[in-house]
Amino acid sequence: MAQIARNIIADQAIAPSQIFSQVGIAAGSVVLTAKGETLVEDIRPGDRVISRDRGMVHVTEVREIELSRPAIRVKAGALGEGIPGTDMVLGCDQPVLVRDWRAKAMFRKDRCVVPASALSDGEFVVTEENGTNKVYQIFCAEPHILYVNGVELGCGATLPEAV
């Protein structure tokens, strides 16, 4: 099942430089975990999160970073009825799984993973020039699609240490 996430992400031809540079989820966002809804800033390595493609998976690493480019604000309900449940802020390159009419209309696919910035419409999904720049990155042993504020977001795999 993790292969599904890898295939979806690989299908999008996301450049390696994009994978971690401007990816992240702002504090206050709710991640579905084995313990229930948990704020992203409270997620720790070893916690189990719920993935779309594999069920429960272990978090291997969490990073807190400062974005160097503008963030993307997704307003409540922008991606469907109650999705997200509240406004959320993402890094501009944060992978978002799109699998409704938007995938067909905007990307000519049944489903696709796109950077959050690709969903920007200037009204419901907007670029935030002077907004929140501190975000959290969640890593697992393999790439997965996680549920955050009702939105399906890609998370990366922890890379082995360089030798």
C-alpha atoms as a PDB file:
ATOM      1  CA  MET A   1       0.000   0.000   0.000  1.00  0.00           C
ATOM      2  CA  ALA A   2       2.868   2.416   0.631  1.00  0.00           C
ATOM      3  CA  GLN A   3       3.630   1.817  -3.036  1.00  0.00           C
ATOM      4  CA  ILE A   4       0.397   3.719  -3.816  1.00  0.00           C
ATOM      5  CA  ALA A   5       1.756   6.824  -2.080  1.00  0.00           C
ATOM      6  CA  ARG A   6       5.140   6.427  -3.784  1.00  0.00           C
ATOM      7  CA  ASN A   7       3.461   6.015  -7.170  1.00  0.00           C
ATOM      8  CA  ILE A   8       1.174   9.009  -6.664  1.00  0.00           C
ATOM      9  CA  ILE A   9       4.071  11.188  -5.563  1.00  0.00           C
ATOM     10  CA  ALA A  10       6.414   9.849  -8.285  1.00  0.00           C
ATOM     11  CA  ASP A  11       3.735  10.456 -10.929  1.00  0.00           C
ATOM     12  CA  GLN A  12       3.897  14.159 -10.231  1.00  0.00           C
ATOM     13  CA  ALA A  13       7.578  14.529 -11.123  1.00  0.00           C
ATOM     14  CA  ILE A  14       8.261  16.582  -8.005  1.00  0.00           C
ATOM     15  CA  ALA A  15      11.906  17.681  -8.168  1.00  0.00           C
ATOM     16  CA  PRO A  16      14.126  16.429  -5.325  1.00  0.00           C
ATOM     17  CA  SER A  17      14.827  20.047  -4.337  1.00  0.00           C
ATOM     18  CA  GLN A  18      11.089  20.494  -3.732  1.00  0.00           C
ATOM     19  CA  ILE A  19      10.664  17.455  -1.539  1.00  0.00           C
ATOM     20  CA  PHE A  20      11.706  19.059   1.751  1.00  0.00           C
ATOM     21  CA  SER A  21      12.547  22.710   1.078  1.00  0.00           C
ATOM     22  CA  GLN A  22       9.153  24.420   1.381  1.00  0.00           C
ATOM     23  CA  VAL A  23       7.050  21.584   2.771  1.00  0.00           C
ATOM     24  CA  GLY A  24       5.297  21.870   6.092  1.00  0.00           C
ATOM     25  CA  ILE A  25       2.158  22.225   8.164  1.00  0.00           C
ATOM     26  CA  ALA A  26       1.549  25.217  10.437  1.00  0.00           C
ATOM     27  CA  ALA A  27       0.996  24.877  14.172  1.00  0.00           C
ATOM     28  CA  GLY A  28      -2.625  24.356  15.138  1.00  0.00           C
ATOM     29  CA  SER A  29      -3.266  21.851  12.343  1.00  0.00           C
ATOM     30  CA  VAL A  30      -4.837  18.578  13.490  1.00  0.00           C
ATOM     31  CA  VAL A  31      -3.311  15.244  12.435  1.00  0.00           C
ATOM     32  CA  LEU A  32      -5.233  11.964  12.800  1.00  0.00           C
ATOM     33  CA  THR A  33      -3.240   9.626  15.046  1.00  0.00           C
ATOM     34  CA  ALA A  34      -3.712   6.402  16.989  1.00  0.00           C
ATOM     35  CA  LYS A  35      -4.531   8.610  20.001  1.00  0.00           C
ATOM     36  CA  GLY A  36      -7.115  10.617  18.058  1.00  0.00           C
ATOM     37  CA  GLU A  37      -6.821  14.156  16.761  1.00  0.00           C
ATOM     38  CA  THR A  38      -3.410  15.592  17.677  1.00  0.00           C
ATOM     39  CA  LEU A  39      -1.923  19.013  16.977  1.00  0.00           C
ATOM     40  CA  VAL A  40       0.969  18.792  14.531  1.00  0.00           C
ATOM     41  CA  GLU A  41       3.265  20.512  17.035  1.00  0.00           C
ATOM     42  CA  ASP A  42       2.584  17.673  19.518  1.00  0.00           C
ATOM     43  CA  ILE A  43       3.557  14.852  17.124  1.00  0.00           C
ATOM     44  CA  ARG A  44       6.775  13.068  18.153  1.00  0.00           C
ATOM     45  CA  PRO A  45       8.944  10.331  16.636  1.00  0.00           C
ATOM     46  CA  GLY A  46       7.415   6.973  17.531  1.00  0.00           C
ATOM     47  CA  ASP A  47       3.838   8.283  17.417  1.00  0.00           C
ATOM     48  CA  ARG A  48       1.487   6.389  15.122  1.00  0.00           C
ATOM     49  CA  VAL A  49      -0.413   8.423  12.545  1.00  0.00           C
ATOM     50  CA  ILE A  50      -3.218   7.298  10.253  1.00  0.00           C
ATOM     51  CA  SER A  51      -2.273   7.118   6.592  1.00  0.00           C
ATOM     52  CA  ARG A  52      -4.584   6.741   3.627  1.00  0.00           C
ATOM     53  CA  ASP A  53      -2.400   4.127   1.988  1.00  0.00           C
ATOM     54  CA  ARG A  54      -1.178   1.966   4.893  1.00  0.00           C
ATOM     55  CA  GLY A  55      -3.345   2.549   7.947  1.00  0.00           C
ATOM     56  CA  MET A  56      -1.274   3.173  11.094  1.00  0.00           C
ATOM     57  CA  VAL A  57       2.345   4.141  10.451  1.00  0.00           C
ATOM     58  CA  HIS A  58       5.107   5.292  12.790  1.00  0.00           C
ATOM     59  CA  VAL A  59       6.548   8.778  12.655  1.00  0.00           C
ATOM     60  CA  THR A  60      10.338   8.603  12.363  1.00  0.00           C
ATOM     61  CA  GLU A  61      11.128  12.310  12.541  1.00  0.00           C
ATOM     62  CA  VAL A  62       9.480  15.696  13.014  1.00  0.00           C
ATOM     63  CA  ARG A  63      11.206  18.901  11.962  1.00  0.00           C
ATOM     64  CA  GLU A  64      10.300  22.481  12.768  1.00  0.00           C
ATOM     65  CA  ILE A  65      11.500  24.827  10.027  1.00  0.00           C
ATOM     66  CA  GLU A  66      11.164  28.415   8.849  1.00  0.00           C
ATOM     67  CA  LEU A  67       9.845  28.817   5.303  1.00  0.00           C
ATOM     68  CA  SER A  68      11.875  31.041   3.018  1.00  0.00           C
ATOM     69  CA  ARG A  69       8.996  31.567   0.598  1.00  0.00           C
ATOM     70  CA  PRO A  70       5.374  32.618   1.136  1.00  0.00           C
ATOM     71  CA  ALA A  71       2.987  30.140   2.731  1.00  0.00           C
ATOM     72  CA  ILE A  72      -0.348  28.968   1.312  1.00  0.00           C
ATOM     73  CA  ARG A  73      -3.534  29.550   3.323  1.00  0.00           C
ATOM     74  CA  VAL A  74      -6.319  27.069   2.568  1.00  0.00           C
ATOM     75  CA  LYS A  75      -9.562  28.514   3.880  1.00  0.00           C
ATOM     76  CA  ALA A  76     -12.091  26.346   5.710  1.00  0.00           C
ATOM     77  CA  GLY A  77     -14.263  24.438   3.221  1.00  0.00           C
ATOM     78  CA  ALA A  78     -12.064  25.385   0.233  1.00  0.00           C
ATOM     79  CA  LEU A  79     -11.492  21.764  -0.783  1.00  0.00           C
ATOM     80  CA  GLY A  80     -14.980  20.405  -0.183  1.00  0.00           C
ATOM     81  CA  GLU A  81     -17.735  20.346   2.393  1.00  0.00           C
ATOM     82  CA  GLY A  82     -15.896  20.966   5.674  1.00  0.00           C
ATOM     83  CA  ILE A  83     -12.469  20.293   4.143  1.00  0.00           C
ATOM     84  CA  PRO A  84     -10.424  21.631   5.737  1.00  0.00           C
ATOM     85  CA  GLY A  85     -12.458  22.038   8.896  1.00  0.00           C
ATOM     86  CA  THR A  86     -10.653  25.297   9.715  1.00  0.00           C
ATOM     87  CA  ASP A  87      -8.263  27.564   7.860  1.00  0.00           C
ATOM     88  CA  MET A  88      -4.854  25.935   7.520  1.00  0.00           C
ATOM     89  CA  VAL A  89      -1.434  27.144   6.451  1.00  0.00           C
ATOM     90  CA  LEU A  90       0.939  24.983   4.408  1.00  0.00           C
ATOM     91  CA  GLY A  91       4.352  25.369   2.857  1.00  0.00           C
ATOM     92  CA  CYS A  92       3.985  26.248  -0.827  1.00  0.00           C
ATOM     93  CA  ASP A  93       5.451  22.879  -1.908  1.00  0.00           C
ATOM     94  CA  GLN A  94       3.462  20.766   0.590  1.00  0.00           C
ATOM     95  CA  PRO A  95       2.112  17.781  -1.393  1.00  0.00           C
ATOM     96  CA  VAL A  96      -1.709  17.662  -1.406  1.00  0.00           C
ATOM     97  CA  LEU A  97      -3.651  14.661  -2.734  1.00  0.00           C
ATOM     98  CA  VAL A  98      -6.455  15.888  -4.988  1.00  0.00           C
ATOM     99  CA  ARG A  99      -9.022  13.249  -5.982  1.00  0.00           C
ATOM    100  CA  ASP A 100     -12.252  15.056  -6.741  1.00  0.00           C
ATOM    101  CA  TRP A 101     -13.483  17.219  -9.616  1.00  0.00           C
ATOM    102  CA  ARG A 102     -10.454  19.502  -9.120  1.00  0.00           C
ATOM    103  CA  ALA A 103      -8.094  16.723 -10.210  1.00  0.00           C
ATOM    104  CA  LYS A 104      -9.956  16.364 -13.508  1.00  0.00           C
ATOM    105  CA  ALA A 105     -10.623  20.071 -14.078  1.00  0.00           C
ATOM    106  CA  MET A 106      -7.222  21.424 -13.087  1.00  0.00           C
ATOM    107  CA  PHE A 107      -4.804  18.580 -13.785  1.00  0.00           C
ATOM    108  CA  ARG A 108      -6.671  16.218 -16.171  1.00  0.00           C
ATOM    109  CA  LYS A 109      -6.196  13.244 -13.850  1.00  0.00           C
ATOM    110  CA  ASP A 110      -8.491  11.173 -11.650  1.00  0.00           C
ATOM    111  CA  ARG A 111      -6.188  11.836  -8.720  1.00  0.00           C
ATOM    112  CA  CYS A 112      -2.866  13.557  -8.289  1.00  0.00           C
ATOM    113  CA  VAL A 113      -0.498  14.943  -5.711  1.00  0.00           C
ATOM    114  CA  VAL A 114       0.321  18.580  -6.317  1.00  0.00           C
ATOM    115  CA  PRO A 115       2.156  21.295  -4.401  1.00  0.00           C
ATOM    116  CA  ALA A 116      -0.244  23.393  -2.305  1.00  0.00           C
ATOM    117  CA  SER A 117       0.667  26.430  -4.429  1.00  0.00           C
ATOM    118  CA  ALA A 118      -0.855  24.717  -7.506  1.00  0.00           C
ATOM    119  CA  LEU A 119      -4.288  24.969  -5.844  1.00  0.00           C
ATOM    120  CA  SER A 120      -4.044  28.727  -5.334  1.00  0.00           C
ATOM    121  CA  ASP A 121      -7.074  30.551  -6.726  1.00  0.00           C
ATOM    122  CA  GLY A 122      -6.597  33.917  -5.025  1.00  0.00           C
ATOM    123  CA  GLU A 123      -9.836  33.592  -3.054  1.00  0.00           C
ATOM    124  CA  PHE A 124     -10.148  30.293  -1.153  1.00  0.00           C
ATOM    125  CA  VAL A 125      -6.561  29.085  -1.474  1.00  0.00           C
ATOM    126  CA  VAL A 126      -4.288  32.109  -1.244  1.00  0.00           C
ATOM    127  CA  THR A 127      -0.618  32.988  -1.070  1.00  0.00           C
ATOM    128  CA  GLU A 128       0.217  34.557   2.266  1.00  0.00           C
ATOM    129  CA  GLU A 129       3.168  36.894   1.697  1.00  0.00           C
ATOM    130  CA  ASN A 130       3.570  37.954   5.336  1.00  0.00           C
ATOM    131  CA  GLY A 131       1.967  35.053   7.129  1.00  0.00           C
ATOM    132  CA  THR A 132       3.100  32.205   9.332  1.00  0.00           C
ATOM    133  CA  ASN A 133       6.532  30.991   8.305  1.00  0.00           C
ATOM    134  CA  LYS A 134       7.206  28.353  10.998  1.00  0.00           C
ATOM    135  CA  VAL A 135       5.926  24.920   9.983  1.00  0.00           C
ATOM    136  CA  TYR A 136       6.326  21.279  10.978  1.00  0.00           C
ATOM    137  CA  GLN A 137       7.424  18.461   8.709  1.00  0.00           C
ATOM    138  CA  ILE A 138       6.408  14.879   9.477  1.00  0.00           C
ATOM    139  CA  PHE A 139       8.525  11.983   8.233  1.00  0.00           C
ATOM    140  CA  CYS A 140       7.865   8.251   8.213  1.00  0.00           C
ATOM    141  CA  ALA A 141       9.957   5.277   7.017  1.00  0.00           C
ATOM    142  CA  GLU A 142       8.212   5.541   3.625  1.00  0.00           C
ATOM    143  CA  PRO A 143       6.193   8.261   1.880  1.00  0.00           C
ATOM    144  CA  HIS A 144       2.535   8.290   2.945  1.00  0.00           C
ATOM    145  CA  ILE A 145      -0.627  10.303   2.616  1.00  0.00           C
ATOM    146  CA  LEU A 146      -1.737  11.596   6.042  1.00  0.00           C
ATOM    147  CA  TYR A 147      -4.987  13.200   7.173  1.00  0.00           C
ATOM    148  CA  VAL A 148      -4.499  16.768   8.402  1.00  0.00           C
ATOM    149  CA  ASN A 149      -7.561  18.937   9.092  1.00  0.00           C
ATOM    150  CA  GLY A 150      -9.479  16.584   6.798  1.00  0.00           C
ATOM    151  CA  VAL A 151      -7.047  17.212   3.904  1.00  0.00           C
ATOM    152  CA  GLU A 152      -4.913  14.399   2.488  1.00  0.00           C
ATOM    153  CA  LEU A 153      -1.284  15.560   2.639  1.00  0.00           C
ATOM    154  CA  GLY A 154       1.882  13.812   1.553  1.00  0.00           C
ATOM    155  CA  CYS A 155       4.639  13.188   4.055  1.00  0.00           C
ATOM    156  CA  GLY A 156       8.149  12.227   3.120  1.00  0.00           C
ATOM    157  CA  ALA A 157      10.413   9.390   4.091  1.00  0.00           C
ATOM    158  CA  THR A 158      13.338   9.992   6.407  1.00  0.00           C
ATOM    159  CA  LEU A 159      16.481   9.837   4.327  1.00  0.00           C
ATOM    160  CA  PRO A 160      19.437   7.787   5.573  1.00  0.00           C
ATOM    161  CA  GLU A 161      22.403   9.732   6.912  1.00  0.00           C
ATOM    162  CA  ALA A 162      24.999  10.653   4.288  1.00  0.00           C
ATOM    163  CA  VAL A 163      28.242   8.677   4.524  1.00  0.00           C
END
